[in-house]
């Protein structure tokens, strides 16, 4: 996967726009990026260890730092910063945004959790 030609954080810090060469921009909400973080804290070390993260409706992006030529580290305003978002993972999130978002909402409901707490 080639690097995006642009990463842009919205003024309110709630949206990351990712533009790959020869593709329209993907707009990824900070909340989705946070709850789908590729970190072990969220994903666990196996699928059965994955955590459903509630209470992130108002999370914002504090900063984005490059990691080599293959990824970025996103720091959120709740100070979560351990996920390395590879270009491939950002591309996948862009293509699967709706499905992943709906699955997240269903998990919250199933577990009695909320986007607000």
N, C-alpha and C. Protein backbone atom coordinates (compact mmCIF):
# COMPACT_ATOMS: atom_id res chain seq x y z
N UNK A 1 0.84 -1.17 0.00
CA UNK A 1 0.00 0.00 0.00
C UNK A 1 0.90 1.24 0.00
N UNK A 2 0.62 2.14 -0.91
CA UNK A 2 1.39 3.39 -0.95
C UNK A 2 0.86 4.38 0.07
N UNK A 3 1.70 5.29 0.45
CA UNK A 3 1.33 6.30 1.45
C UNK A 3 0.23 7.21 0.90
N UNK A 4 -0.62 7.71 1.78
CA UNK A 4 -1.60 8.70 1.34
C UNK A 4 -0.88 9.96 0.85
N UNK A 5 -1.50 10.65 -0.09
CA UNK A 5 -0.90 11.91 -0.53
C UNK A 5 -1.28 13.05 0.40
N UNK A 6 -2.31 12.83 1.24
CA UNK A 6 -2.68 13.85 2.21
C UNK A 6 -3.41 13.24 3.40
N UNK A 7 -3.08 13.73 4.59
CA UNK A 7 -3.81 13.47 5.83
C UNK A 7 -4.18 14.84 6.36
N UNK A 8 -5.47 15.05 6.61
CA UNK A 8 -5.90 16.37 7.08
C UNK A 8 -6.88 16.20 8.24
N UNK A 9 -6.58 16.86 9.34
CA UNK A 9 -7.47 16.85 10.51
C UNK A 9 -8.36 18.07 10.42
N UNK A 10 -9.66 17.88 10.65
CA UNK A 10 -10.60 18.99 10.60
C UNK A 10 -10.33 20.00 11.72
N UNK A 11 -10.82 21.20 11.55
CA UNK A 11 -10.59 22.26 12.54
C UNK A 11 -11.09 21.88 13.93
N UNK A 12 -12.21 21.14 13.98
CA UNK A 12 -12.75 20.74 15.29
C UNK A 12 -12.07 19.49 15.84
N UNK A 13 -11.11 18.93 15.07
CA UNK A 13 -10.30 17.76 15.47
C UNK A 13 -11.12 16.47 15.56
N UNK A 14 -12.32 16.45 14.96
CA UNK A 14 -13.21 15.29 15.06
C UNK A 14 -13.20 14.41 13.82
N UNK A 15 -12.45 14.80 12.78
CA UNK A 15 -12.48 14.07 11.52
C UNK A 15 -11.09 14.06 10.89
N UNK A 16 -10.69 12.89 10.40
CA UNK A 16 -9.44 12.75 9.67
C UNK A 16 -9.79 12.42 8.22
N UNK A 17 -9.33 13.26 7.32
CA UNK A 17 -9.51 13.02 5.90
C UNK A 17 -8.22 12.41 5.37
N UNK A 18 -8.35 11.26 4.72
CA UNK A 18 -7.19 10.52 4.19
C UNK A 18 -7.38 10.38 2.68
N UNK A 19 -6.42 10.90 1.93
CA UNK A 19 -6.49 10.82 0.47
C UNK A 19 -5.33 9.98 -0.05
N UNK A 20 -5.68 8.85 -0.64
CA UNK A 20 -4.69 8.00 -1.28
C UNK A 20 -4.61 8.39 -2.75
N UNK A 21 -3.46 8.17 -3.38
CA UNK A 21 -3.34 8.46 -4.82
C UNK A 21 -4.45 7.75 -5.60
N UNK A 22 -4.99 8.46 -6.57
CA UNK A 22 -6.04 7.91 -7.45
C UNK A 22 -7.29 7.44 -6.70
N UNK A 23 -7.61 8.10 -5.60
CA UNK A 23 -8.81 7.74 -4.83
C UNK A 23 -9.40 9.00 -4.20
N UNK A 24 -10.72 9.04 -4.08
CA UNK A 24 -11.33 10.17 -3.37
C UNK A 24 -11.00 10.06 -1.89
N UNK A 25 -11.04 11.18 -1.19
CA UNK A 25 -10.71 11.15 0.24
C UNK A 25 -11.68 10.28 1.05
N UNK A 26 -11.12 9.60 2.04
CA UNK A 26 -11.93 8.91 3.05
C UNK A 26 -12.04 9.87 4.23
N UNK A 27 -13.23 10.02 4.77
CA UNK A 27 -13.40 10.84 5.96
C UNK A 27 -13.69 9.90 7.13
N UNK A 28 -12.76 9.87 8.06
CA UNK A 28 -12.85 8.95 9.19
C UNK A 28 -13.05 9.73 10.48
N UNK A 29 -14.19 9.53 11.15
CA UNK A 29 -14.44 10.23 12.41
C UNK A 29 -13.43 9.80 13.49
N UNK A 30 -13.04 10.74 14.32
CA UNK A 30 -12.10 10.46 15.42
C UNK A 30 -12.65 9.35 16.31
N UNK A 31 -13.94 9.35 16.54
CA UNK A 31 -14.54 8.32 17.39
C UNK A 31 -14.32 6.93 16.80
N UNK A 32 -14.53 6.77 15.50
CA UNK A 32 -14.30 5.47 14.87
C UNK A 32 -12.83 5.08 14.95
N UNK A 33 -11.94 6.03 14.67
CA UNK A 33 -10.51 5.74 14.75
C UNK A 33 -10.13 5.29 16.16
N UNK A 34 -10.70 5.94 17.17
CA UNK A 34 -10.36 5.61 18.56
C UNK A 34 -10.87 4.23 18.95
N UNK A 35 -12.13 3.93 18.62
CA UNK A 35 -12.71 2.65 19.05
C UNK A 35 -12.23 1.48 18.20
N UNK A 36 -11.67 1.78 17.01
CA UNK A 36 -11.11 0.73 16.15
C UNK A 36 -9.59 0.80 16.14
N UNK A 37 -9.01 1.42 17.14
CA UNK A 37 -7.56 1.54 17.22
C UNK A 37 -6.91 0.17 17.08
N UNK A 38 -5.84 0.09 16.29
CA UNK A 38 -5.16 -1.20 16.14
C UNK A 38 -4.29 -1.58 17.34
N UNK A 39 -4.38 -0.85 18.43
CA UNK A 39 -3.56 -1.14 19.61
C UNK A 39 -3.98 -2.45 20.27
N UNK A 40 -3.05 -3.06 20.98
CA UNK A 40 -3.36 -4.27 21.75
C UNK A 40 -4.37 -3.96 22.85
N UNK A 41 -4.36 -2.74 23.36
CA UNK A 41 -5.32 -2.33 24.40
C UNK A 41 -6.76 -2.48 23.90
N UNK A 42 -7.00 -2.23 22.62
CA UNK A 42 -8.34 -2.33 22.04
C UNK A 42 -8.54 -3.68 21.35
N UNK A 43 -7.58 -4.09 20.54
CA UNK A 43 -7.73 -5.31 19.74
C UNK A 43 -7.39 -6.58 20.50
N UNK A 44 -6.67 -6.44 21.62
CA UNK A 44 -6.23 -7.63 22.35
C UNK A 44 -5.15 -8.35 21.56
N UNK A 45 -4.84 -9.54 22.00
CA UNK A 45 -3.83 -10.36 21.31
C UNK A 45 -4.47 -11.48 20.52
N UNK A 46 -5.80 -11.53 20.56
CA UNK A 46 -6.57 -12.48 19.76
C UNK A 46 -7.99 -11.91 19.63
N UNK A 47 -8.77 -12.38 18.66
CA UNK A 47 -10.11 -11.82 18.46
C UNK A 47 -11.01 -11.87 19.70
N UNK A 48 -10.87 -12.92 20.53
CA UNK A 48 -11.73 -13.01 21.71
C UNK A 48 -11.30 -12.04 22.83
N UNK A 49 -10.16 -11.39 22.66
CA UNK A 49 -9.71 -10.40 23.66
C UNK A 49 -10.06 -8.96 23.25
N UNK A 50 -10.65 -8.79 22.05
CA UNK A 50 -10.98 -7.44 21.58
C UNK A 50 -11.95 -6.76 22.53
N UNK A 51 -11.73 -5.47 22.77
CA UNK A 51 -12.51 -4.69 23.73
C UNK A 51 -13.45 -3.75 22.98
N UNK A 52 -14.70 -3.67 23.44
CA UNK A 52 -15.62 -2.66 22.93
C UNK A 52 -15.42 -1.42 23.80
N UNK A 53 -15.01 -0.33 23.17
CA UNK A 53 -14.66 0.89 23.90
C UNK A 53 -15.86 1.85 23.91
N UNK A 54 -16.48 2.09 25.07
CA UNK A 54 -17.60 3.02 25.13
C UNK A 54 -17.14 4.45 25.44
N UNK A 55 -18.09 5.37 25.38
CA UNK A 55 -17.87 6.73 25.88
C UNK A 55 -16.95 7.60 25.07
N UNK A 56 -16.85 7.39 23.77
CA UNK A 56 -15.89 8.15 22.97
C UNK A 56 -16.57 9.07 21.94
N UNK A 57 -17.84 9.37 22.13
CA UNK A 57 -18.57 10.22 21.19
C UNK A 57 -17.84 11.54 20.93
N UNK A 58 -17.28 12.14 21.95
CA UNK A 58 -16.68 13.47 21.82
C UNK A 58 -15.15 13.45 21.76
N UNK A 59 -14.55 12.29 21.52
CA UNK A 59 -13.10 12.22 21.44
C UNK A 59 -12.60 13.03 20.24
N UNK A 60 -11.42 13.61 20.42
CA UNK A 60 -10.82 14.41 19.35
C UNK A 60 -9.37 13.96 19.13
N UNK A 61 -8.84 14.33 17.98
CA UNK A 61 -7.46 14.01 17.64
C UNK A 61 -6.56 15.14 18.13
N UNK A 62 -5.59 14.81 18.97
CA UNK A 62 -4.62 15.81 19.44
C UNK A 62 -3.49 16.00 18.45
N UNK A 63 -2.93 14.86 17.98
CA UNK A 63 -1.83 14.98 17.03
C UNK A 63 -1.67 13.68 16.25
N UNK A 64 -0.96 13.82 15.13
CA UNK A 64 -0.63 12.68 14.27
C UNK A 64 0.86 12.75 14.02
N UNK A 65 1.54 11.62 14.24
CA UNK A 65 2.99 11.56 14.05
C UNK A 65 3.33 10.43 13.07
N UNK A 66 4.23 10.66 12.14
CA UNK A 66 4.63 9.59 11.23
C UNK A 66 5.38 8.48 11.96
N UNK A 67 5.19 7.27 11.49
CA UNK A 67 5.94 6.11 11.97
C UNK A 67 6.58 5.50 10.72
N UNK A 68 7.86 5.75 10.56
CA UNK A 68 8.55 5.29 9.36
C UNK A 68 7.86 5.83 8.12
N UNK A 69 7.84 5.02 7.08
CA UNK A 69 7.17 5.37 5.82
C UNK A 69 5.90 4.57 5.62
N UNK A 70 5.41 3.95 6.71
CA UNK A 70 4.31 3.00 6.54
C UNK A 70 3.08 3.28 7.40
N UNK A 71 3.14 4.27 8.30
CA UNK A 71 2.04 4.43 9.25
C UNK A 71 2.09 5.78 9.95
N UNK A 72 1.04 6.02 10.77
CA UNK A 72 1.01 7.16 11.68
C UNK A 72 0.53 6.69 13.04
N UNK A 73 0.97 7.42 14.05
CA UNK A 73 0.48 7.22 15.42
C UNK A 73 -0.46 8.40 15.69
N UNK A 74 -1.68 8.09 16.08
CA UNK A 74 -2.66 9.12 16.39
C UNK A 74 -2.79 9.22 17.90
N UNK A 75 -2.64 10.43 18.42
CA UNK A 75 -2.88 10.68 19.84
C UNK A 75 -4.24 11.36 19.97
N UNK A 76 -5.09 10.77 20.80
CA UNK A 76 -6.44 11.30 21.02
C UNK A 76 -6.46 12.11 22.31
N UNK A 77 -7.49 12.92 22.49
CA UNK A 77 -7.54 13.79 23.67
C UNK A 77 -7.83 13.04 24.96
N UNK A 78 -8.09 11.72 24.88
CA UNK A 78 -8.15 10.90 26.10
C UNK A 78 -6.78 10.28 26.38
N UNK A 79 -5.79 10.72 25.61
CA UNK A 79 -4.37 10.34 25.72
C UNK A 79 -4.07 8.91 25.26
N UNK A 80 -5.03 8.27 24.60
CA UNK A 80 -4.73 6.98 23.96
C UNK A 80 -3.83 7.28 22.77
N UNK A 81 -2.69 6.58 22.71
CA UNK A 81 -1.75 6.84 21.61
C UNK A 81 -0.93 5.60 21.23
N UNK A 82 -1.42 4.42 21.58
CA UNK A 82 -0.61 3.23 21.35
C UNK A 82 -0.91 2.52 20.04
N UNK A 83 -1.88 2.96 19.29
CA UNK A 83 -2.18 2.31 18.02
C UNK A 83 -1.33 2.86 16.89
N UNK A 84 -0.81 1.97 16.07
CA UNK A 84 -0.07 2.35 14.87
C UNK A 84 -1.01 2.10 13.68
N UNK A 85 -1.43 3.17 13.05
CA UNK A 85 -2.36 3.10 11.92
C UNK A 85 -1.56 3.00 10.63
N UNK A 86 -1.41 1.79 10.11
CA UNK A 86 -0.68 1.61 8.85
C UNK A 86 -1.51 2.15 7.70
N UNK A 87 -0.85 2.40 6.58
CA UNK A 87 -1.58 2.88 5.40
C UNK A 87 -2.64 1.86 5.01
N UNK A 88 -2.29 0.58 5.08
CA UNK A 88 -3.24 -0.46 4.72
C UNK A 88 -4.46 -0.44 5.65
N UNK A 89 -4.22 -0.26 6.96
CA UNK A 89 -5.33 -0.24 7.91
C UNK A 89 -6.23 0.98 7.67
N UNK A 90 -5.64 2.14 7.43
CA UNK A 90 -6.45 3.33 7.14
C UNK A 90 -7.26 3.14 5.86
N UNK A 91 -6.66 2.51 4.86
CA UNK A 91 -7.37 2.23 3.61
C UNK A 91 -8.54 1.29 3.86
N UNK A 92 -8.31 0.25 4.65
CA UNK A 92 -9.36 -0.70 4.99
C UNK A 92 -10.47 -0.01 5.76
N UNK A 93 -10.12 0.82 6.76
CA UNK A 93 -11.14 1.56 7.52
C UNK A 93 -11.98 2.45 6.60
N UNK A 94 -11.32 3.08 5.64
CA UNK A 94 -12.06 3.93 4.70
C UNK A 94 -13.08 3.14 3.90
N UNK A 95 -12.68 1.97 3.42
CA UNK A 95 -13.58 1.14 2.62
C UNK A 95 -14.66 0.46 3.46
N UNK A 96 -14.36 0.18 4.71
CA UNK A 96 -15.30 -0.56 5.57
C UNK A 96 -15.93 0.31 6.65
N UNK A 97 -15.84 1.62 6.48
CA UNK A 97 -16.29 2.54 7.52
C UNK A 97 -17.72 2.26 7.97
N UNK A 98 -18.66 2.17 7.05
CA UNK A 98 -20.06 1.98 7.44
C UNK A 98 -20.28 0.65 8.14
N UNK A 99 -19.70 -0.42 7.62
CA UNK A 99 -19.88 -1.74 8.23
C UNK A 99 -19.28 -1.77 9.64
N UNK A 100 -18.08 -1.22 9.77
CA UNK A 100 -17.43 -1.21 11.09
C UNK A 100 -18.20 -0.33 12.08
N UNK A 101 -18.70 0.80 11.61
CA UNK A 101 -19.46 1.69 12.48
C UNK A 101 -20.72 0.99 12.96
N UNK A 102 -21.46 0.37 12.05
CA UNK A 102 -22.70 -0.32 12.43
C UNK A 102 -22.42 -1.48 13.36
N UNK A 103 -21.34 -2.21 13.15
CA UNK A 103 -20.97 -3.31 14.05
C UNK A 103 -20.64 -2.77 15.44
N UNK A 104 -19.95 -1.63 15.49
CA UNK A 104 -19.62 -1.00 16.77
C UNK A 104 -20.90 -0.61 17.52
N UNK A 105 -21.82 0.04 16.83
CA UNK A 105 -23.08 0.44 17.47
C UNK A 105 -23.85 -0.78 17.97
N UNK A 106 -23.86 -1.86 17.21
CA UNK A 106 -24.54 -3.09 17.62
C UNK A 106 -23.87 -3.69 18.86
N UNK A 107 -22.53 -3.68 18.90
CA UNK A 107 -21.81 -4.20 20.07
C UNK A 107 -22.13 -3.38 21.32
N UNK A 108 -22.16 -2.07 21.17
CA UNK A 108 -22.50 -1.22 22.32
C UNK A 108 -23.87 -1.60 22.86
N UNK A 109 -24.84 -1.71 21.95
CA UNK A 109 -26.21 -2.03 22.37
C UNK A 109 -26.27 -3.40 23.03
N UNK A 110 -25.62 -4.37 22.42
CA UNK A 110 -25.62 -5.74 22.94
C UNK A 110 -25.02 -5.81 24.35
N UNK A 111 -24.01 -4.98 24.61
CA UNK A 111 -23.32 -5.01 25.90
C UNK A 111 -23.86 -3.97 26.88
N UNK A 112 -24.90 -3.25 26.49
CA UNK A 112 -25.48 -2.25 27.38
C UNK A 112 -24.56 -1.06 27.61
N UNK A 113 -23.75 -0.73 26.62
CA UNK A 113 -22.81 0.38 26.73
C UNK A 113 -23.31 1.56 25.91
N UNK A 114 -22.68 2.70 26.09
CA UNK A 114 -23.10 3.92 25.42
C UNK A 114 -21.93 4.65 24.79
N UNK A 115 -22.19 5.40 23.74
CA UNK A 115 -21.17 6.25 23.15
C UNK A 115 -20.81 7.41 24.08
N UNK A 116 -21.65 7.67 25.07
CA UNK A 116 -21.45 8.83 25.97
C UNK A 116 -20.80 8.49 27.30
N UNK A 117 -20.72 7.23 27.67
CA UNK A 117 -20.12 6.89 28.97
C UNK A 117 -19.35 5.61 28.90
